[in-house]
Protein backbone atom coordinates (compact mmCIF):
# COMPACT_ATOMS: atom_id res chain seq x y z
CA MET A 1 230.70 211.48 170.22
CA SER A 2 232.31 211.56 173.65
CA ASP A 3 235.86 212.71 174.29
CA ALA A 4 236.08 210.47 177.37
CA LEU A 5 238.93 208.01 177.49
CA PRO A 6 237.98 204.36 177.28
CA VAL A 7 238.02 202.37 180.50
CA PRO A 8 241.27 200.42 181.01
CA PRO A 9 240.94 196.67 180.53
CA PRO A 10 240.69 194.44 183.60
CA ARG A 11 243.93 193.05 184.94
CA CYS A 12 244.63 189.86 186.84
CA ASP A 13 246.00 189.82 190.35
CA ALA A 14 248.23 186.99 191.56
CA ALA A 15 245.33 184.73 192.60
CA ALA A 16 243.51 185.17 189.29
CA ARG A 17 246.73 184.57 187.37
CA ARG A 18 247.36 181.30 189.28
CA ALA A 19 243.82 180.13 188.45
CA ILE A 20 244.34 181.00 184.76
CA VAL A 21 247.67 179.14 184.63
CA ARG A 22 245.96 176.10 186.24
CA GLU A 23 243.20 176.26 183.61
CA ALA A 24 245.77 176.53 180.81
CA ARG A 25 247.51 173.42 182.18
CA ARG A 26 244.17 171.61 182.27
CA LEU A 27 243.82 172.52 178.58
CA GLY A 28 247.21 170.98 177.76
CA VAL A 29 249.96 173.50 178.55
CA PRO A 30 252.76 171.34 180.01
CA ASP A 31 253.49 171.70 183.73
CA ASP A 32 257.13 172.48 182.96
CA TYR A 33 256.29 174.97 180.18
CA GLY A 34 258.03 177.94 181.80
CA ARG A 35 261.22 176.03 182.55
CA ARG A 36 261.42 174.41 179.11
CA ARG A 37 260.73 177.69 177.29
CA ALA A 38 262.88 179.86 179.58
CA LEU A 39 259.81 182.00 180.32
CA ARG A 40 258.64 183.38 183.64
CA ILE A 41 255.19 184.22 184.92
CA VAL A 42 254.53 187.86 184.02
CA ARG A 43 252.90 190.27 186.47
CA GLU A 44 250.37 192.72 185.11
CA PRO A 45 250.82 196.42 185.86
CA GLU A 46 248.62 198.09 188.45
CA ALA A 47 247.96 201.02 186.12
CA LEU A 48 247.83 201.40 182.36
CA GLN A 49 248.01 204.42 180.09
CA TYR A 50 245.85 204.80 176.99
CA ILE A 51 247.94 204.99 173.81
CA GLY A 52 245.19 205.32 171.20
CA ARG A 53 243.42 202.86 168.94
CA ASP A 54 244.95 199.99 167.04
CA VAL A 55 244.52 199.07 163.37
CA HIS A 56 241.24 197.33 164.30
CA ASP A 57 239.94 200.47 166.11
CA ARG A 58 240.28 198.86 169.56
CA PRO A 59 241.62 200.96 172.47
CA GLN A 60 245.17 199.99 173.44
CA TRP A 61 247.09 200.38 176.68
CA LEU A 62 250.65 200.25 177.99
CA ALA A 63 252.36 200.77 181.34
CA ALA A 64 253.23 204.48 181.68
CA PRO A 65 257.01 204.30 181.01
CA ALA A 66 256.48 202.13 177.92
CA ALA A 67 253.69 204.45 176.74
CA ARG A 68 256.01 207.48 176.98
CA ALA A 69 258.76 205.62 175.10
CA TRP A 70 256.23 204.51 172.45
CA ARG A 71 255.06 208.07 171.85
CA ARG A 72 258.64 209.31 171.46
CA MET A 73 259.52 206.45 169.13
CA ALA A 74 256.39 206.82 166.98
CA ALA A 75 257.03 210.57 166.65
CA ALA A 76 260.66 209.99 165.65
CA ALA A 77 259.60 207.40 163.08
CA ALA A 78 256.97 209.80 161.69
CA ALA A 79 259.61 212.54 161.42
CA ASP A 80 261.60 210.08 159.28
CA GLY A 81 258.54 209.34 157.11
CA ILE A 82 257.78 205.98 158.77
CA VAL A 83 254.28 205.12 159.98
CA LEU A 84 254.17 202.68 162.89
CA GLN A 85 250.73 201.26 163.66
CA VAL A 86 249.73 199.33 166.77
CA VAL A 87 248.16 195.91 166.27
CA SER A 88 248.14 194.90 169.92
CA ALA A 89 249.57 196.10 173.23
CA PHE A 90 248.54 195.06 176.79
CA ARG A 91 246.73 191.74 177.11
CA SER A 92 245.76 190.22 180.42
CA ALA A 93 246.38 186.58 181.27
CA GLU A 94 242.61 186.10 181.10
CA TYR A 95 242.52 187.52 177.56
CA GLN A 96 245.44 185.23 176.60
CA LEU A 97 243.49 182.26 177.96
CA GLY A 98 240.61 183.27 175.68
CA ILE A 99 242.99 183.24 172.68
CA LEU A 100 244.18 179.75 173.67
CA CYS A 101 240.59 178.49 174.02
CA ARG A 102 239.50 179.96 170.65
CA LYS A 103 242.47 178.35 168.89
CA LEU A 104 241.79 174.97 170.54
CA GLU A 105 238.11 175.23 169.59
CA GLY A 106 239.24 176.03 166.04
CA GLY A 107 241.04 172.69 165.89
CA GLN A 108 244.64 173.74 166.51
CA THR A 109 246.79 171.51 168.70
CA ILE A 110 248.27 172.85 171.91
CA GLU A 111 251.76 172.24 170.47
CA ARG A 112 251.02 174.41 167.42
CA ILE A 113 249.44 177.14 169.51
CA LEU A 114 252.47 177.33 171.82
CA GLU A 115 254.78 177.71 168.81
CA VAL A 116 253.17 181.04 167.96
CA SER A 117 251.73 182.26 171.28
CA ALA A 118 253.04 182.29 174.82
CA ALA A 119 250.89 180.39 177.30
CA PRO A 120 248.52 182.40 179.49
CA GLY A 121 250.47 183.88 182.38
CA TYR A 122 253.76 183.89 180.43
CA SER A 123 253.08 186.41 177.65
CA GLU A 124 255.16 189.60 177.55
CA HIS A 125 251.91 191.34 176.60
CA HIS A 126 250.81 190.93 180.23
CA SER A 127 253.59 193.31 181.31
CA GLY A 128 252.14 196.34 179.54
CA ARG A 129 255.52 196.87 177.86
CA VAL A 130 254.91 195.17 174.48
CA LEU A 131 253.69 196.38 171.14
CA ASP A 132 252.83 194.32 168.10
CA LEU A 133 253.41 196.72 165.21
CA THR A 134 252.67 196.99 161.52
CA THR A 135 252.77 199.69 158.84
CA PRO A 136 250.50 200.56 155.91
CA GLY A 137 250.75 198.09 153.04
CA TYR A 138 251.72 195.13 155.23
CA ALA A 139 249.40 192.55 156.78
CA ALA A 140 249.33 192.56 160.56
CA LEU A 141 251.23 189.80 162.36
CA GLU A 142 252.90 188.42 159.24
CA GLU A 143 256.61 187.76 158.69
CA ASP A 144 256.42 189.92 155.57
CA PHE A 145 256.66 192.90 157.95
CA GLU A 146 260.42 192.22 158.09
CA ARG A 147 260.67 193.53 154.50
CA SER A 148 259.04 196.85 155.36
CA PRO A 149 260.82 200.18 155.74
CA ALA A 150 259.19 200.32 159.19
CA PHE A 151 260.98 197.14 160.31
CA ALA A 152 264.30 198.44 158.95
CA TRP A 153 263.71 201.69 160.87
CA LEU A 154 262.92 199.74 164.08
CA GLN A 155 266.09 197.67 163.73
CA ARG A 156 268.16 200.86 163.48
CA HIS A 157 266.36 203.02 166.05
CA ALA A 158 264.10 201.08 168.46
CA ALA A 159 266.87 200.47 171.01
CA ARG A 160 267.28 204.24 171.39
CA TYR A 161 263.76 204.23 172.88
CA GLY A 162 264.24 201.05 174.93
CA PHE A 163 262.46 198.63 172.58
CA ARG A 164 263.90 195.25 171.57
CA LEU A 165 262.70 192.53 169.22
CA SER A 166 261.64 189.72 171.56
CA TYR A 167 261.41 186.75 169.22
CA PRO A 168 264.10 186.76 166.53
CA ARG A 169 264.60 183.67 164.39
CA GLY A 170 265.77 180.70 166.47
CA ASN A 171 265.03 182.40 169.80
CA ARG A 172 265.64 180.45 173.01
CA HIS A 173 261.93 180.45 173.91
CA GLY A 174 260.88 178.27 170.98
CA ILE A 175 258.38 180.89 169.82
CA ALA A 176 258.04 181.53 166.10
CA TYR A 177 259.88 184.53 164.63
CA GLU A 178 257.82 187.67 165.24
CA PRO A 179 259.33 190.73 163.53
CA TRP A 180 256.33 192.76 164.75
CA HIS A 181 256.73 192.07 168.51
CA TRP A 182 258.77 194.74 170.36
CA CYS A 183 259.19 194.93 174.15
CA TRP A 184 260.24 198.01 176.11
CA HIS A 185 263.00 197.46 178.69
CA ARG A 186 263.88 200.18 181.19
CA SER A 187 267.52 199.08 181.15
CA ALA A 188 267.66 199.41 177.36
CA ALA A 189 266.29 202.96 177.20
CA ARG A 190 268.91 205.54 176.33
């Protein structure tokens, strides 16, 4: 077994991102999606830092400042007896387009998809600052996570490390409640 780090995932430059947003619109994402949802196009970081493997044994990546904050937060949680597990971190706009296509091919409507996923180009995951989290005993990406000791710990302590819950109930973006989705903000780090 090699100790070599995995290769970082490909990222989209501005031209590729524009092409992906055009393709998403061709697939049914409304032209005024960003304005209606109060979401902006998200640039992908030039460099990513490896943060380990997720619950599905896939390598995961974050932008360096978010990766440092994640490591500090995970260590603090562990010191308090809380296990935080990564479900997903960086995703490129191209990867997000693949999610949209798979869901459409699976028979979901574009309206339903956009209730639970940001459109390609608009996902906070593109920024390299987002973590979808879970903890042992709780299914990944399920609202039930809000009843976990890990979620309670995050509510009390995540802001200390710069992380905020992006999609609380009734959020202004019209995205379903996601108690697992935490975004690092430089301005929020203490």
